[in-house]
PDB file of N, CA and C in Angstrom:
ATOM      1  N   MET A   1      43.925-206.435 -87.869  1.00  0.00           N
ATOM      2  CA  MET A   1      42.997-205.490 -88.454  1.00  0.00           C
ATOM      3  C   MET A   1      41.705-205.408 -87.637  1.00  0.00           C
ATOM      4  N   ALA A   2      41.214-206.568 -87.203  1.00  0.00           N
ATOM      5  CA  ALA A   2      39.964-206.621 -86.424  1.00  0.00           C
ATOM      6  C   ALA A   2      40.120-205.804 -85.117  1.00  0.00           C
ATOM      7  N   GLN A   3      41.261-205.899 -84.498  1.00  0.00           N
ATOM      8  CA  GLN A   3      41.509-205.150 -83.247  1.00  0.00           C
ATOM      9  C   GLN A   3      41.498-203.673 -83.534  1.00  0.00           C
ATOM     10  N   LEU A   4      42.098-203.212 -84.595  1.00  0.00           N
ATOM     11  CA  LEU A   4      42.087-201.796 -84.969  1.00  0.00           C
ATOM     12  C   LEU A   4      40.683-201.313 -85.162  1.00  0.00           C
ATOM     13  N   ASP A   5      39.869-202.061 -85.877  1.00  0.00           N
ATOM     14  CA  ASP A   5      38.484-201.686 -86.110  1.00  0.00           C
ATOM     15  C   ASP A   5      37.717-201.602 -84.783  1.00  0.00           C
ATOM     16  N   GLU A   6      37.967-202.550 -83.901  1.00  0.00           N
ATOM     17  CA  GLU A   6      37.315-202.567 -82.581  1.00  0.00           C
ATOM     18  C   GLU A   6      37.704-201.325 -81.766  1.00  0.00           C
ATOM     19  N   TYR A   7      39.025-201.039 -81.761  1.00  0.00           N
ATOM     20  CA  TYR A   7      39.486-199.873 -81.012  1.00  0.00           C
ATOM     21  C   TYR A   7      38.937-198.598 -81.554  1.00  0.00           C
ATOM     22  N   GLN A   8      38.838-198.490 -82.904  1.00  0.00           N
ATOM     23  CA  GLN A   8      38.269-197.302 -83.485  1.00  0.00           C
ATOM     24  C   GLN A   8      36.818-197.088 -83.058  1.00  0.00           C
ATOM     25  N   LYS A   9      36.045-198.165 -83.051  1.00  0.00           N
ATOM     26  CA  LYS A   9      34.669-198.114 -82.624  1.00  0.00           C
ATOM     27  C   LYS A   9      34.489-197.740 -81.196  1.00  0.00           C
ATOM     28  N   ILE A  10      35.345-198.339 -80.340  1.00  0.00           N
ATOM     29  CA  ILE A  10      35.267-198.053 -78.889  1.00  0.00           C
ATOM     30  C   ILE A  10      35.593-196.557 -78.655  1.00  0.00           C
ATOM     31  N   ILE A  11      36.645-196.059 -79.275  1.00  0.00           N
ATOM     32  CA  ILE A  11      37.044-194.664 -79.082  1.00  0.00           C
ATOM     33  C   ILE A  11      35.923-193.738 -79.577  1.00  0.00           C
ATOM     34  N   GLN A  12      35.356-194.016 -80.747  1.00  0.00           N
ATOM     35  CA  GLN A  12      34.300-193.140 -81.257  1.00  0.00           C
ATOM     36  C   GLN A  12      33.080-193.157 -80.326  1.00  0.00           C
ATOM     37  N   THR A  13      32.746-194.325 -79.781  1.00  0.00           N
ATOM     38  CA  THR A  13      31.634-194.443 -78.881  1.00  0.00           C
ATOM     39  C   THR A  13      31.871-193.574 -77.629  1.00  0.00           C
ATOM     40  N   ILE A  14      33.068-193.650 -77.043  1.00  0.00           N
ATOM     41  CA  ILE A  14      33.363-192.878 -75.850  1.00  0.00           C
ATOM     42  C   ILE A  14      33.321-191.372 -76.141  1.00  0.00           C
ATOM     43  N   LEU A  15      33.915-190.931 -77.218  1.00  0.00           N
ATOM     44  CA  LEU A  15      33.925-189.522 -77.555  1.00  0.00           C
ATOM     45  C   LEU A  15      32.503-189.015 -77.839  1.00  0.00           C
ATOM     46  N   THR A  16      31.721-189.821 -78.529  1.00  0.00           N
ATOM     47  CA  THR A  16      30.346-189.441 -78.856  1.00  0.00           C
ATOM     48  C   THR A  16      29.513-189.305 -77.592  1.00  0.00           C
ATOM     49  N   GLN A  17      29.715-190.219 -76.645  1.00  0.00           N
ATOM     50  CA  GLN A  17      28.972-190.108 -75.367  1.00  0.00           C
ATOM     51  C   GLN A  17      29.387-188.831 -74.664  1.00  0.00           C
ATOM     52  N   HIS A  18      30.637-188.525 -74.605  1.00  0.00           N
ATOM     53  CA  HIS A  18      31.096-187.288 -73.896  1.00  0.00           C
ATOM     54  C   HIS A  18      30.582-186.025 -74.661  1.00  0.00           C
ATOM     55  N   ALA A  19      30.463-186.113 -75.960  1.00  0.00           N
ATOM     56  CA  ALA A  19      29.963-185.002 -76.731  1.00  0.00           C
ATOM     57  C   ALA A  19      28.509-184.680 -76.421  1.00  0.00           C
ATOM     58  N   GLN A  20      27.739-185.626 -75.990  1.00  0.00           N
ATOM     59  CA  GLN A  20      26.343-185.438 -75.699  1.00  0.00           C
ATOM     60  C   GLN A  20      26.126-184.780 -74.363  1.00  0.00           C
ATOM     61  N   ALA A  21      27.097-184.741 -73.508  1.00  0.00           N
ATOM     62  CA  ALA A  21      26.982-184.034 -72.213  1.00  0.00           C
ATOM     63  C   ALA A  21      27.115-182.555 -72.421  1.00  0.00           C
ATOM     64  N   THR A  22      26.118-181.822 -71.984  1.00  0.00           N
ATOM     65  CA  THR A  22      26.121-180.364 -72.155  1.00  0.00           C
ATOM     66  C   THR A  22      26.849-179.702 -70.978  1.00  0.00           C
ATOM     67  N   PRO A  23      27.828-178.859 -71.236  1.00  0.00           N
ATOM     68  CA  PRO A  23      28.462-178.152 -70.146  1.00  0.00           C
ATOM     69  C   PRO A  23      27.463-177.305 -69.343  1.00  0.00           C
ATOM     70  N   ALA A  24      27.688-177.174 -68.067  1.00  0.00           N
ATOM     71  CA  ALA A  24      26.753-176.490 -67.150  1.00  0.00           C
ATOM     72  C   ALA A  24      26.795-175.005 -67.297  1.00  0.00           C
ATOM     73  N   TYR A  25      27.707-174.438 -68.041  1.00  0.00           N
ATOM     74  CA  TYR A  25      27.867-173.017 -68.169  1.00  0.00           C
ATOM     75  C   TYR A  25      28.053-172.600 -69.609  1.00  0.00           C
ATOM     76  N   GLY A  26      27.718-171.391 -69.939  1.00  0.00           N
ATOM     77  CA  GLY A  26      27.969-170.830 -71.267  1.00  0.00           C
ATOM     78  C   GLY A  26      27.190-171.490 -72.388  1.00  0.00           C
ATOM     79  N   GLU A  27      27.472-171.011 -73.561  1.00  0.00           N
ATOM     80  CA  GLU A  27      26.908-171.608 -74.794  1.00  0.00           C
ATOM     81  C   GLU A  27      28.029-172.352 -75.485  1.00  0.00           C
ATOM     82  N   ILE A  28      28.209-173.597 -75.025  1.00  0.00           N
ATOM     83  CA  ILE A  28      29.338-174.385 -75.503  1.00  0.00           C
ATOM     84  C   ILE A  28      28.834-175.549 -76.375  1.00  0.00           C
ATOM     85  N   GLU A  29      29.469-175.732 -77.508  1.00  0.00           N
ATOM     86  CA  GLU A  29      29.160-176.858 -78.402  1.00  0.00           C
ATOM     87  C   GLU A  29      30.365-177.794 -78.298  1.00  0.00           C
ATOM     88  N   ARG A  30      30.057-179.087 -78.278  1.00  0.00           N
ATOM     89  CA  ARG A  30      31.125-180.085 -78.286  1.00  0.00           C
ATOM     90  C   ARG A  30      31.115-180.756 -79.667  1.00  0.00           C
ATOM     91  N   GLN A  31      32.308-180.804 -80.238  1.00  0.00           N
ATOM     92  CA  GLN A  31      32.471-181.367 -81.550  1.00  0.00           C
ATOM     93  C   GLN A  31      33.437-182.583 -81.461  1.00  0.00           C
ATOM     94  N   THR A  32      33.040-183.678 -82.160  1.00  0.00           N
ATOM     95  CA  THR A  32      33.922-184.810 -82.290  1.00  0.00           C
ATOM     96  C   THR A  32      34.700-184.700 -83.624  1.00  0.00           C
ATOM     97  N   LEU A  33      35.957-184.981 -83.552  1.00  0.00           N
ATOM     98  CA  LEU A  33      36.776-184.959 -84.728  1.00  0.00           C
ATOM     99  C   LEU A  33      37.433-186.364 -84.881  1.00  0.00           C
ATOM    100  N   PHE A  34      36.977-187.056 -85.950  1.00  0.00           N
ATOM    101  CA  PHE A  34      37.495-188.461 -86.152  1.00  0.00           C
ATOM    102  C   PHE A  34      38.284-188.523 -87.492  1.00  0.00           C
ATOM    103  N   ASP A  35      39.570-188.837 -87.435  1.00  0.00           N
ATOM    104  CA  ASP A  35      40.371-189.069 -88.585  1.00  0.00           C
ATOM    105  C   ASP A  35      40.738-190.571 -88.547  1.00  0.00           C
ATOM    106  N   CYS A  36      39.837-191.362 -89.074  1.00  0.00           N
ATOM    107  CA  CYS A  36      39.972-192.826 -89.006  1.00  0.00           C
ATOM    108  C   CYS A  36      41.101-193.352 -89.888  1.00  0.00           C
ATOM    109  N   GLU A  37      41.424-192.568 -90.902  1.00  0.00           N
ATOM    110  CA  GLU A  37      42.501-192.984 -91.804  1.00  0.00           C
ATOM    111  C   GLU A  37      43.858-192.885 -91.104  1.00  0.00           C
ATOM    112  N   ARG A  38      44.089-191.876 -90.318  1.00  0.00           N
ATOM    113  CA  ARG A  38      45.343-191.691 -89.589  1.00  0.00           C
ATOM    114  C   ARG A  38      45.250-191.986 -88.128  1.00  0.00           C
ATOM    115  N   ASN A  39      44.046-192.382 -87.710  1.00  0.00           N
ATOM    116  CA  ASN A  39      43.780-192.774 -86.285  1.00  0.00           C
ATOM    117  C   ASN A  39      44.040-191.687 -85.269  1.00  0.00           C
ATOM    118  N   HIS A  40      43.429-190.534 -85.490  1.00  0.00           N
ATOM    119  CA  HIS A  40      43.455-189.398 -84.525  1.00  0.00           C
ATOM    120  C   HIS A  40      42.014-189.103 -84.238  1.00  0.00           C
ATOM    121  N   TYR A  41      41.729-188.920 -82.897  1.00  0.00           N
ATOM    122  CA  TYR A  41      40.355-188.708 -82.455  1.00  0.00           C
ATOM    123  C   TYR A  41      40.360-187.599 -81.342  1.00  0.00           C
ATOM    124  N   GLN A  42      39.477-186.629 -81.496  1.00  0.00           N
ATOM    125  CA  GLN A  42      39.422-185.542 -80.538  1.00  0.00           C
ATOM    126  C   GLN A  42      37.982-185.158 -80.225  1.00  0.00           C
ATOM    127  N   LEU A  43      37.811-184.623 -79.049  1.00  0.00           N
ATOM    128  CA  LEU A  43      36.570-183.963 -78.655  1.00  0.00           C
ATOM    129  C   LEU A  43      36.945-182.560 -78.203  1.00  0.00           C
ATOM    130  N   VAL A  44      36.344-181.537 -78.847  1.00  0.00           N
ATOM    131  CA  VAL A  44      36.727-180.168 -78.533  1.00  0.00           C
ATOM    132  C   VAL A  44      35.470-179.380 -78.097  1.00  0.00           C
ATOM    133  N   ASN A  45      35.692-178.423 -77.200  1.00  0.00           N
ATOM    134  CA  ASN A  45      34.708-177.475 -76.753  1.00  0.00           C
ATOM    135  C   ASN A  45      34.846-176.207 -77.557  1.00  0.00           C
ATOM    136  N   ILE A  46      33.722-175.663 -78.071  1.00  0.00           N
ATOM    137  CA  ILE A  46      33.737-174.413 -78.834  1.00  0.00           C
ATOM    138  C   ILE A  46      32.515-173.595 -78.396  1.00  0.00           C
ATOM    139  N   GLY A  47      32.742-172.296 -78.111  1.00  0.00           N
ATOM    140  CA  GLY A  47      31.597-171.452 -77.788  1.00  0.00           C
ATOM    141  C   GLY A  47      32.000-170.251 -76.944  1.00  0.00           C
ATOM    142  N   TRP A  48      31.042-169.768 -76.190  1.00  0.00           N
ATOM    143  CA  TRP A  48      31.233-168.606 -75.392  1.00  0.00           C
ATOM    144  C   TRP A  48      30.694-168.765 -73.972  1.00  0.00           C
ATOM    145  N   GLU A  49      31.378-168.226 -73.033  1.00  0.00           N
ATOM    146  CA  GLU A  49      30.883-168.113 -71.628  1.00  0.00           C
ATOM    147  C   GLU A  49      30.888-166.609 -71.352  1.00  0.00           C
ATOM    148  N   LYS A  50      29.702-166.030 -71.332  1.00  0.00           N
ATOM    149  CA  LYS A  50      29.522-164.605 -71.248  1.00  0.00           C
ATOM    150  C   LYS A  50      30.324-163.937 -72.403  1.00  0.00           C
ATOM    151  N   HIS A  51      31.391-163.176 -72.053  1.00  0.00           N
ATOM    152  CA  HIS A  51      32.157-162.469 -73.111  1.00  0.00           C
ATOM    153  C   HIS A  51      33.508-163.167 -73.369  1.00  0.00           C
ATOM    154  N   ARG A  52      33.643-164.390 -72.837  1.00  0.00           N
ATOM    155  CA  ARG A  52      34.912-165.102 -72.942  1.00  0.00           C
ATOM    156  C   ARG A  52      34.787-166.232 -73.962  1.00  0.00           C
ATOM    157  N   ARG A  53      35.692-166.254 -74.885  1.00  0.00           N
ATOM    158  CA  ARG A  53      35.743-167.350 -75.934  1.00  0.00           C
ATOM    159  C   ARG A  53      36.199-168.610 -75.300  1.00  0.00           C
ATOM    160  N   ILE A  54      35.537-169.704 -75.615  1.00  0.00           N
ATOM    161  CA  ILE A  54      35.877-171.035 -75.102  1.00  0.00           C
ATOM    162  C   ILE A  54      36.284-171.884 -76.334  1.00  0.00           C
ATOM    163  N   TYR A  55      37.470-172.400 -76.316  1.00  0.00           N
ATOM    164  CA  TYR A  55      37.933-173.258 -77.354  1.00  0.00           C
ATOM    165  C   TYR A  55      39.028-174.146 -76.774  1.00  0.00           C
ATOM    166  N   GLY A  56      38.858-175.428 -76.850  1.00  0.00           N
ATOM    167  CA  GLY A  56      39.914-176.309 -76.337  1.00  0.00           C
ATOM    168  C   GLY A  56      39.527-177.776 -76.470  1.00  0.00           C
ATOM    169  N   CYS A  57      40.568-178.545 -76.426  1.00  0.00           N
ATOM    170  CA  CYS A  57      40.462-179.992 -76.535  1.00  0.00           C
ATOM    171  C   CYS A  57      40.116-180.534 -75.145  1.00  0.00           C
ATOM    172  N   LEU A  58      39.096-181.418 -75.140  1.00  0.00           N
ATOM    173  CA  LEU A  58      38.703-182.100 -73.889  1.00  0.00           C
ATOM    174  C   LEU A  58      39.319-183.471 -73.861  1.00  0.00           C
ATOM    175  N   ILE A  59      39.370-184.160 -75.024  1.00  0.00           N
ATOM    176  CA  ILE A  59      39.940-185.503 -75.117  1.00  0.00           C
ATOM    177  C   ILE A  59      40.693-185.593 -76.450  1.00  0.00           C
ATOM    178  N   HIS A  60      41.894-186.174 -76.422  1.00  0.00           N
ATOM    179  CA  HIS A  60      42.662-186.402 -77.630  1.00  0.00           C
ATOM    180  C   HIS A  60      43.250-187.822 -77.522  1.00  0.00           C
ATOM    181  N   ILE A  61      42.915-188.666 -78.502  1.00  0.00           N
ATOM    182  CA  ILE A  61      43.380-190.058 -78.492  1.00  0.00           C
ATOM    183  C   ILE A  61      43.927-190.385 -79.885  1.00  0.00           C
ATOM    184  N   ASP A  62      45.003-191.117 -79.914  1.00  0.00           N
ATOM    185  CA  ASP A  62      45.576-191.648 -81.147  1.00  0.00           C
ATOM    186  C   ASP A  62      45.714-193.155 -81.062  1.00  0.00           C
ATOM    187  N   ILE A  63      45.706-193.850 -82.153  1.00  0.00           N
ATOM    188  CA  ILE A  63      46.046-195.276 -82.189  1.00  0.00           C
ATOM    189  C   ILE A  63      47.374-195.394 -82.926  1.00  0.00           C
ATOM    190  N   LYS A  64      48.393-195.875 -82.229  1.00  0.00           N
ATOM    191  CA  LYS A  64      49.709-196.057 -82.811  1.00  0.00           C
ATOM    192  C   LYS A  64      50.272-197.408 -82.382  1.00  0.00           C
ATOM    193  N   ASP A  65      50.851-198.105 -83.316  1.00  0.00           N
ATOM    194  CA  ASP A  65      51.533-199.366 -83.011  1.00  0.00           C
ATOM    195  C   ASP A  65      50.587-200.311 -82.240  1.00  0.00           C
ATOM    196  N   ASP A  66      49.357-200.401 -82.640  1.00  0.00           N
ATOM    197  CA  ASP A  66      48.354-201.289 -82.063  1.00  0.00           C
ATOM    198  C   ASP A  66      47.974-200.935 -80.619  1.00  0.00           C
ATOM    199  N   LYS A  67      48.344-199.737 -80.174  1.00  0.00           N
ATOM    200  CA  LYS A  67      48.009-199.293 -78.809  1.00  0.00           C
ATOM    201  C   LYS A  67      47.186-198.020 -78.897  1.00  0.00           C
ATOM    202  N   ILE A  68      46.354-197.772 -77.877  1.00  0.00           N
ATOM    203  CA  ILE A  68      45.596-196.543 -77.763  1.00  0.00           C
ATOM    204  C   ILE A  68      46.447-195.562 -76.899  1.00  0.00           C
ATOM    205  N   TRP A  69      46.780-194.437 -77.543  1.00  0.00           N
ATOM    206  CA  TRP A  69      47.557-193.425 -76.858  1.00  0.00           C
ATOM    207  C   TRP A  69      46.648-192.291 -76.422  1.00  0.00           C
ATOM    208  N   ILE A  70      46.456-192.083 -75.139  1.00  0.00           N
ATOM    209  CA  ILE A  70      45.657-190.987 -74.611  1.00  0.00           C
ATOM    210  C   ILE A  70      46.573-189.780 -74.483  1.00  0.00           C
ATOM    211  N   GLN A  71      46.469-188.888 -75.461  1.00  0.00           N
ATOM    212  CA  GLN A  71      47.349-187.702 -75.508  1.00  0.00           C
ATOM    213  C   GLN A  71      46.912-186.669 -74.506  1.00  0.00           C
ATOM    214  N   TYR A  72      45.566-186.535 -74.318  1.00  0.00           N
ATOM    215  CA  TYR A  72      45.036-185.554 -73.361  1.00  0.00           C
ATOM    216  C   TYR A  72      43.726-186.048 -72.871  1.00  0.00           C
ATOM    217  N   ASP A  73      43.439-185.923 -71.560  1.00  0.00           N
ATOM    218  CA  ASP A  73      42.186-186.370 -70.993  1.00  0.00           C
ATOM    219  C   ASP A  73      41.739-185.342 -69.983  1.00  0.00           C
ATOM    220  N   GLY A  74      40.751-184.522 -70.338  1.00  0.00           N
ATOM    221  CA  GLY A  74      40.217-183.515 -69.480  1.00  0.00           C
ATOM    222  C   GLY A  74      38.919-183.933 -68.784  1.00  0.00           C
ATOM    223  N   THR A  75      38.732-185.189 -68.669  1.00  0.00           N
ATOM    224  CA  THR A  75      37.517-185.691 -67.992  1.00  0.00           C
ATOM    225  C   THR A  75      37.771-186.066 -66.556  1.00  0.00           C
ATOM    226  N   GLU A  76      36.737-186.162 -65.738  1.00  0.00           N
ATOM    227  CA  GLU A  76      36.900-186.536 -64.353  1.00  0.00           C
ATOM    228  C   GLU A  76      37.003-188.041 -64.185  1.00  0.00           C
ATOM    229  N   ILE A  77      36.234-188.780 -64.997  1.00  0.00           N
ATOM    230  CA  ILE A  77      36.183-190.232 -64.823  1.00  0.00           C
ATOM    231  C   ILE A  77      37.479-190.887 -65.334  1.00  0.00           C
ATOM    232  N   GLY A  78      38.055-190.314 -66.364  1.00  0.00           N
ATOM    233  CA  GLY A  78      39.268-190.867 -66.983  1.00  0.00           C
ATOM    234  C   GLY A  78      38.943-191.812 -68.112  1.00  0.00           C
ATOM    235  N   VAL A  79      39.398-191.439 -69.312  1.00  0.00           N
ATOM    236  CA  VAL A  79      39.159-192.180 -70.512  1.00  0.00           C
ATOM    237  C   VAL A  79      39.770-193.588 -70.416  1.00  0.00           C
ATOM    238  N   ALA A  80      40.922-193.721 -69.763  1.00  0.00           N
ATOM    239  CA  ALA A  80      41.561-195.009 -69.642  1.00  0.00           C
ATOM    240  C   ALA A  80      40.652-195.997 -68.875  1.00  0.00           C
ATOM    241  N   ASN A  81      39.959-195.463 -67.850  1.00  0.00           N
ATOM    242  CA  ASN A  81      39.052-196.311 -67.095  1.00  0.00           C
ATOM    243  C   ASN A  81      37.857-196.731 -67.950  1.00  0.00           C
ATOM    244  N   GLU A  82      37.360-195.858 -68.813  1.00  0.00           N
ATOM    245  CA  GLU A  82      36.259-196.202 -69.723  1.00  0.00           C
ATOM    246  C   GLU A  82      36.670-197.239 -70.748  1.00  0.00           C
ATOM    247  N   LEU A  83      37.945-197.080 -71.256  1.00  0.00           N
ATOM    248  CA  LEU A  83      38.439-198.088 -72.214  1.00  0.00           C
ATOM    249  C   LEU A  83      38.530-199.444 -71.598  1.00  0.00           C
ATOM    250  N   VAL A  84      39.032-199.506 -70.357  1.00  0.00           N
ATOM    251  CA  VAL A  84      39.127-200.817 -69.654  1.00  0.00           C
ATOM    252  C   VAL A  84      37.746-201.443 -69.421  1.00  0.00           C
ATOM    253  N   GLU A  85      36.766-200.602 -69.019  1.00  0.00           N
ATOM    254  CA  GLU A  85      35.377-201.077 -68.867  1.00  0.00           C
ATOM    255  C   GLU A  85      34.823-201.666 -70.129  1.00  0.00           C
ATOM    256  N   LEU A  86      35.258-201.174 -71.268  1.00  0.00           N
ATOM    257  CA  LEU A  86      34.777-201.614 -72.545  1.00  0.00           C
ATOM    258  C   LEU A  86      35.603-202.768 -73.116  1.00  0.00           C
ATOM    259  N   GLY A  87      36.542-203.304 -72.335  1.00  0.00           N
ATOM    260  CA  GLY A  87      37.269-204.509 -72.731  1.00  0.00           C
ATOM    261  C   GLY A  87      38.627-204.317 -73.265  1.00  0.00           C
ATOM    262  N   VAL A  88      39.153-203.073 -73.307  1.00  0.00           N
ATOM    263  CA  VAL A  88      40.511-202.860 -73.808  1.00  0.00           C
ATOM    264  C   VAL A  88      41.515-203.214 -72.704  1.00  0.00           C
ATOM    265  N   PRO A  89      42.470-204.118 -72.970  1.00  0.00           N
ATOM    266  CA  PRO A  89      43.441-204.481 -71.976  1.00  0.00           C
ATOM    267  C   PRO A  89      44.370-203.310 -71.569  1.00  0.00           C
ATOM    268  N   LYS A  90      44.747-203.221 -70.320  1.00  0.00           N
ATOM    269  CA  LYS A  90      45.550-202.121 -69.874  1.00  0.00           C
ATOM    270  C   LYS A  90      46.864-202.032 -70.608  1.00  0.00           C
ATOM    271  N   GLN A  91      47.432-203.205 -71.025  1.00  0.00           N
ATOM    272  CA  GLN A  91      48.698-203.238 -71.764  1.00  0.00           C
ATOM    273  C   GLN A  91      48.565-202.595 -73.180  1.00  0.00           C
ATOM    274  N   ASP A  92      47.326-202.321 -73.632  1.00  0.00           N
ATOM    275  CA  ASP A  92      47.131-201.695 -74.923  1.00  0.00           C
ATOM    276  C   ASP A  92      46.807-200.200 -74.794  1.00  0.00           C
ATOM    277  N   ILE A  93      46.861-199.654 -73.569  1.00  0.00           N
ATOM    278  CA  ILE A  93      46.537-198.277 -73.319  1.00  0.00           C
ATOM    279  C   ILE A  93      47.833-197.555 -72.797  1.00  0.00           C
ATOM    280  N   VAL A  94      48.205-196.482 -73.513  1.00  0.00           N
ATOM    281  CA  VAL A  94      49.355-195.648 -73.124  1.00  0.00           C
ATOM    282  C   VAL A  94      48.849-194.304 -72.607  1.00  0.00           C
ATOM    283  N   LEU A  95      49.227-193.984 -71.403  1.00  0.00           N
ATOM    284  CA  LEU A  95      48.889-192.634 -70.851  1.00  0.00           C
ATOM    285  C   LEU A  95      49.993-191.679 -71.334  1.00  0.00           C
ATOM    286  N   ALA A  96      49.812-191.228 -72.561  1.00  0.00           N
ATOM    287  CA  ALA A  96      50.813-190.411 -73.198  1.00  0.00           C
ATOM    288  C   ALA A  96      51.030-189.058 -72.579  1.00  0.00           C
ATOM    289  N   PHE A  97      50.051-188.575 -71.790  1.00  0.00           N
ATOM    290  CA  PHE A  97      50.165-187.301 -71.092  1.00  0.00           C
ATOM    291  C   PHE A  97      51.134-187.378 -69.921  1.00  0.00           C
ATOM    292  N   HIS A  98      51.567-188.614 -69.557  1.00  0.00           N
ATOM    293  CA  HIS A  98      52.610-188.786 -68.541  1.00  0.00           C
ATOM    294  C   HIS A  98      53.956-189.005 -69.244  1.00  0.00           C
ATOM    295  N   SER A  99      55.032-188.604 -68.589  1.00  0.00           N
ATOM    296  CA  SER A  99      56.376-188.836 -69.128  1.00  0.00           C
ATOM    297  C   SER A  99      56.606-190.349 -69.192  1.00  0.00           C
ATOM    298  N   PRO A 100      57.526-190.754 -70.083  1.00  0.00           N
ATOM    299  CA  PRO A 100      57.851-192.222 -70.140  1.00  0.00           C
ATOM    300  C   PRO A 100      58.274-192.785 -68.785  1.00  0.00           C
ATOM    301  N   PHE A 101      58.963-192.011 -68.006  1.00  0.00           N
ATOM    302  CA  PHE A 101      59.339-192.530 -66.670  1.00  0.00           C
ATOM    303  C   PHE A 101      58.114-192.748 -65.804  1.00  0.00           C
ATOM    304  N   MET A 102      57.187-191.796 -65.796  1.00  0.00           N
ATOM    305  CA  MET A 102      55.990-191.954 -64.960  1.00  0.00           C
ATOM    306  C   MET A 102      55.082-193.085 -65.452  1.00  0.00           C
ATOM    307  N   ARG A 103      55.062-193.365 -66.725  1.00  0.00           N
ATOM    308  CA  ARG A 103      54.257-194.419 -67.288  1.00  0.00           C
ATOM    309  C   ARG A 103      54.689-195.758 -66.691  1.00  0.00           C
ATOM    310  N   GLN A 104      55.972-195.924 -66.387  1.00  0.00           N
ATOM    311  CA  GLN A 104      56.411-197.181 -65.798  1.00  0.00           C
ATOM    312  C   GLN A 104      55.764-197.449 -64.449  1.00  0.00           C
ATOM    313  N   LEU A 105      55.349-196.403 -63.792  1.00  0.00           N
ATOM    314  CA  LEU A 105      54.774-196.572 -62.432  1.00  0.00           C
ATOM    315  C   LEU A 105      53.241-196.812 -62.473  1.00  0.00           C
ATOM    316  N   THR A 106      52.660-196.902 -63.651  1.00  0.00           N
ATOM    317  CA  THR A 106      51.214-197.152 -63.788  1.00  0.00           C
ATOM    318  C   THR A 106      50.995-198.621 -64.143  1.00  0.00           C
ATOM    319  N   GLU A 107      49.709-198.985 -64.156  1.00  0.00           N
ATOM    320  CA  GLU A 107      49.371-200.328 -64.567  1.00  0.00           C
ATOM    321  C   GLU A 107      49.174-200.443 -66.102  1.00  0.00           C
ATOM    322  N   PHE A 108      49.409-199.319 -66.804  1.00  0.00           N
ATOM    323  CA  PHE A 108      49.167-199.233 -68.237  1.00  0.00           C
ATOM    324  C   PHE A 108      50.486-199.402 -68.980  1.00  0.00           C
ATOM    325  N   ALA A 109      50.384-199.420 -70.336  1.00  0.00           N
ATOM    326  CA  ALA A 109      51.539-199.614 -71.207  1.00  0.00           C
ATOM    327  C   ALA A 109      52.483-198.409 -71.097  1.00  0.00           C
ATOM    328  N   VAL A 110      53.747-198.656 -71.367  1.00  0.00           N
ATOM    329  CA  VAL A 110      54.748-197.590 -71.360  1.00  0.00           C
ATOM    330  C   VAL A 110      54.815-196.925 -72.700  1.00  0.00           C
ATOM    331  N   GLY A 111      54.556-197.697 -73.781  1.00  0.00           N
ATOM    332  CA  GLY A 111      54.542-197.097 -75.132  1.00  0.00           C
ATOM    333  C   GLY A 111      55.380-197.736 -76.095  1.00  0.00           C
TER     334      GLY A 111
END
C-alpha cells in the first residue's frame, strides 16, 4: 500500500509539473486528470491555435499490478526517465505504448 501511495504522488507531481509549462503557440490550457481510486492519470491539452481546435492527451499513465504503465508519452524528455530520476525502479515501469515484443528489448518491465 505504501508503494502505491508513493507512485500516485510521484505521478501526480510529474503531471502537475508538465501542466505548468505553457505551450509556445495558441491559447492552450493544460488540465490534469487524476482518478486515484482507479489509478488513471492524464495530462491533456485543450484550446485553440488560430482557428484550429486543439484537444489531446499529452501523457497517460495507469498503475496496474503494482507497476506504472505509461500508456502514452508525448513529451521530449520521457516520463519513464523522470520516474527513474524520482526513484522508481525500471522493473516497475512498463512502456505500454510499445508492443509486448518490443518491451522485451528495453531496460523496463514487460508487463
